[in-house]
Amino acid sequence: MKQNIHHIERVIRVVLGLIIFSLVFVGPKSLWGLIGILPILTGLSGWCPPYQVLGISTCKK
């Protein structure tokens, strides 16, 4: 797995993922907040499967 997400995008993904994930505990307390785990994982790993399938990379070459 080669990284295909730029470091700034990684930070944004993790922050937004944490905000979405927090909806499980505060606010509407919906299980839909578990979707926030996906951007957290892709942000931490630096690899996004749909990017690879589509041939997209936001990393500097």
N, C-alpha and C. Protein backbone atom coordinates (compact mmCIF):
# COMPACT_ATOMS: atom_id res chain seq x y z
N MET A 1 0.84 -1.18 0.00
CA MET A 1 0.00 0.00 0.00
C MET A 1 0.88 1.25 0.00
N LYS A 2 0.86 1.95 -1.08
CA LYS A 2 1.61 3.18 -1.20
C LYS A 2 0.72 4.35 -0.78
N GLN A 3 1.26 5.29 -0.03
CA GLN A 3 0.47 6.43 0.40
C GLN A 3 0.00 7.23 -0.80
N ASN A 4 -1.27 7.60 -0.79
CA ASN A 4 -1.81 8.41 -1.87
C ASN A 4 -2.61 9.60 -1.35
N ILE A 5 -2.42 9.94 -0.07
CA ILE A 5 -3.10 11.08 0.54
C ILE A 5 -2.04 12.03 1.10
N HIS A 6 -2.14 13.29 0.72
CA HIS A 6 -1.23 14.34 1.19
C HIS A 6 -1.39 14.52 2.70
N HIS A 7 -0.32 14.97 3.38
CA HIS A 7 -0.36 15.06 4.84
C HIS A 7 -1.40 16.06 5.34
N ILE A 8 -1.66 17.13 4.61
CA ILE A 8 -2.69 18.09 5.03
C ILE A 8 -4.07 17.46 4.92
N GLU A 9 -4.30 16.72 3.84
CA GLU A 9 -5.58 16.03 3.68
C GLU A 9 -5.76 14.96 4.76
N ARG A 10 -4.67 14.34 5.17
CA ARG A 10 -4.74 13.33 6.22
C ARG A 10 -5.22 13.95 7.52
N VAL A 11 -4.69 15.12 7.86
CA VAL A 11 -5.09 15.81 9.10
C VAL A 11 -6.57 16.19 9.02
N ILE A 12 -6.99 16.70 7.88
CA ILE A 12 -8.39 17.09 7.70
C ILE A 12 -9.30 15.87 7.85
N ARG A 13 -8.91 14.76 7.25
CA ARG A 13 -9.72 13.53 7.36
C ARG A 13 -9.86 13.07 8.80
N VAL A 14 -8.77 13.09 9.54
CA VAL A 14 -8.81 12.64 10.93
C VAL A 14 -9.70 13.57 11.77
N VAL A 15 -9.56 14.87 11.59
CA VAL A 15 -10.36 15.82 12.37
C VAL A 15 -11.85 15.67 12.03
N LEU A 16 -12.18 15.62 10.75
CA LEU A 16 -13.58 15.46 10.36
C LEU A 16 -14.12 14.10 10.81
N GLY A 17 -13.31 13.07 10.74
CA GLY A 17 -13.72 11.76 11.20
C GLY A 17 -14.04 11.75 12.68
N LEU A 18 -13.21 12.44 13.47
CA LEU A 18 -13.46 12.52 14.91
C LEU A 18 -14.75 13.29 15.21
N ILE A 19 -14.99 14.34 14.44
CA ILE A 19 -16.23 15.10 14.62
C ILE A 19 -17.44 14.23 14.31
N ILE A 20 -17.38 13.52 13.18
CA ILE A 20 -18.50 12.65 12.81
C ILE A 20 -18.66 11.52 13.83
N PHE A 21 -17.55 10.94 14.25
CA PHE A 21 -17.60 9.84 15.23
C PHE A 21 -18.17 10.31 16.56
N SER A 22 -17.95 11.56 16.93
CA SER A 22 -18.46 12.08 18.20
C SER A 22 -19.99 12.10 18.24
N LEU A 23 -20.64 12.03 17.07
CA LEU A 23 -22.10 12.02 17.03
C LEU A 23 -22.68 10.76 17.67
N VAL A 24 -21.85 9.75 17.85
CA VAL A 24 -22.32 8.53 18.53
C VAL A 24 -22.55 8.83 20.01
N PHE A 25 -21.78 9.76 20.57
CA PHE A 25 -21.81 10.03 22.00
C PHE A 25 -22.54 11.30 22.39
N VAL A 26 -22.50 12.32 21.52
CA VAL A 26 -23.17 13.59 21.81
C VAL A 26 -24.07 13.96 20.64
N GLY A 27 -24.91 14.94 20.85
CA GLY A 27 -25.80 15.36 19.78
C GLY A 27 -26.93 14.37 19.58
N PRO A 28 -27.16 13.95 18.34
CA PRO A 28 -28.28 13.04 18.09
C PRO A 28 -28.06 11.61 18.59
N LYS A 29 -26.83 11.28 18.99
CA LYS A 29 -26.48 9.94 19.49
C LYS A 29 -26.96 8.85 18.54
N SER A 30 -26.54 8.97 17.31
CA SER A 30 -26.93 8.02 16.27
C SER A 30 -25.75 7.13 15.92
N LEU A 31 -26.04 5.90 15.58
CA LEU A 31 -24.99 4.97 15.17
C LEU A 31 -24.41 5.34 13.80
N TRP A 32 -25.05 6.25 13.08
CA TRP A 32 -24.51 6.71 11.81
C TRP A 32 -23.15 7.39 12.03
N GLY A 33 -22.88 7.82 13.22
CA GLY A 33 -21.59 8.43 13.52
C GLY A 33 -20.43 7.46 13.38
N LEU A 34 -20.72 6.16 13.36
CA LEU A 34 -19.67 5.17 13.17
C LEU A 34 -19.02 5.28 11.79
N ILE A 35 -19.69 5.95 10.87
CA ILE A 35 -19.11 6.18 9.55
C ILE A 35 -17.83 7.02 9.68
N GLY A 36 -17.72 7.78 10.76
CA GLY A 36 -16.53 8.59 11.00
C GLY A 36 -15.26 7.78 11.16
N ILE A 37 -15.39 6.48 11.39
CA ILE A 37 -14.22 5.62 11.53
C ILE A 37 -13.46 5.53 10.21
N LEU A 38 -14.18 5.56 9.09
CA LEU A 38 -13.53 5.44 7.78
C LEU A 38 -12.54 6.57 7.50
N PRO A 39 -12.93 7.85 7.63
CA PRO A 39 -11.93 8.89 7.38
C PRO A 39 -10.80 8.88 8.41
N ILE A 40 -11.09 8.44 9.62
CA ILE A 40 -10.02 8.34 10.63
C ILE A 40 -8.99 7.31 10.18
N LEU A 41 -9.45 6.15 9.75
CA LEU A 41 -8.53 5.08 9.34
C LEU A 41 -7.74 5.47 8.09
N THR A 42 -8.41 6.07 7.10
CA THR A 42 -7.69 6.45 5.89
C THR A 42 -6.71 7.59 6.19
N GLY A 43 -7.08 8.48 7.10
CA GLY A 43 -6.17 9.57 7.47
C GLY A 43 -4.95 9.06 8.21
N LEU A 44 -5.14 8.11 9.09
CA LEU A 44 -4.01 7.58 9.84
C LEU A 44 -3.09 6.71 8.98
N SER A 45 -3.68 5.98 8.05
CA SER A 45 -2.87 5.10 7.21
C SER A 45 -2.24 5.84 6.03
N GLY A 46 -2.89 6.90 5.57
CA GLY A 46 -2.37 7.64 4.41
C GLY A 46 -2.71 6.99 3.08
N TRP A 47 -3.59 5.99 3.12
CA TRP A 47 -3.96 5.26 1.90
C TRP A 47 -5.46 5.20 1.78
N CYS A 48 -5.97 5.57 0.62
CA CYS A 48 -7.41 5.56 0.36
C CYS A 48 -7.69 4.62 -0.81
N PRO A 49 -8.41 3.50 -0.55
CA PRO A 49 -8.67 2.54 -1.62
C PRO A 49 -9.37 3.13 -2.85
N PRO A 50 -10.42 3.98 -2.70
CA PRO A 50 -11.03 4.55 -3.91
C PRO A 50 -10.06 5.41 -4.72
N TYR A 51 -9.16 6.11 -4.04
CA TYR A 51 -8.15 6.89 -4.76
C TYR A 51 -7.30 5.97 -5.63
N GLN A 52 -6.91 4.83 -5.09
CA GLN A 52 -6.06 3.92 -5.84
C GLN A 52 -6.80 3.35 -7.05
N VAL A 53 -8.06 2.99 -6.86
CA VAL A 53 -8.85 2.43 -7.96
C VAL A 53 -9.00 3.47 -9.08
N LEU A 54 -9.21 4.74 -8.70
CA LEU A 54 -9.40 5.80 -9.69
C LEU A 54 -8.09 6.40 -10.18
N GLY A 55 -6.97 5.99 -9.61
CA GLY A 55 -5.68 6.51 -10.03
C GLY A 55 -5.39 7.91 -9.55
N ILE A 56 -5.98 8.30 -8.42
CA ILE A 56 -5.82 9.64 -7.87
C ILE A 56 -4.75 9.59 -6.77
N SER A 57 -3.92 10.61 -6.70
CA SER A 57 -2.96 10.75 -5.63
C SER A 57 -2.79 12.23 -5.34
N THR A 58 -2.95 12.61 -4.08
CA THR A 58 -2.76 14.00 -3.70
C THR A 58 -1.37 14.24 -3.11
N CYS A 59 -0.55 13.18 -3.08
CA CYS A 59 0.83 13.31 -2.61
C CYS A 59 1.68 13.98 -3.68
N LYS A 60 2.69 14.70 -3.21
CA LYS A 60 3.64 15.28 -4.15
C LYS A 60 4.48 14.17 -4.74
N LYS A 61 4.79 14.29 -6.00
CA LYS A 61 5.57 13.25 -6.67
C LYS A 61 7.01 13.66 -6.83
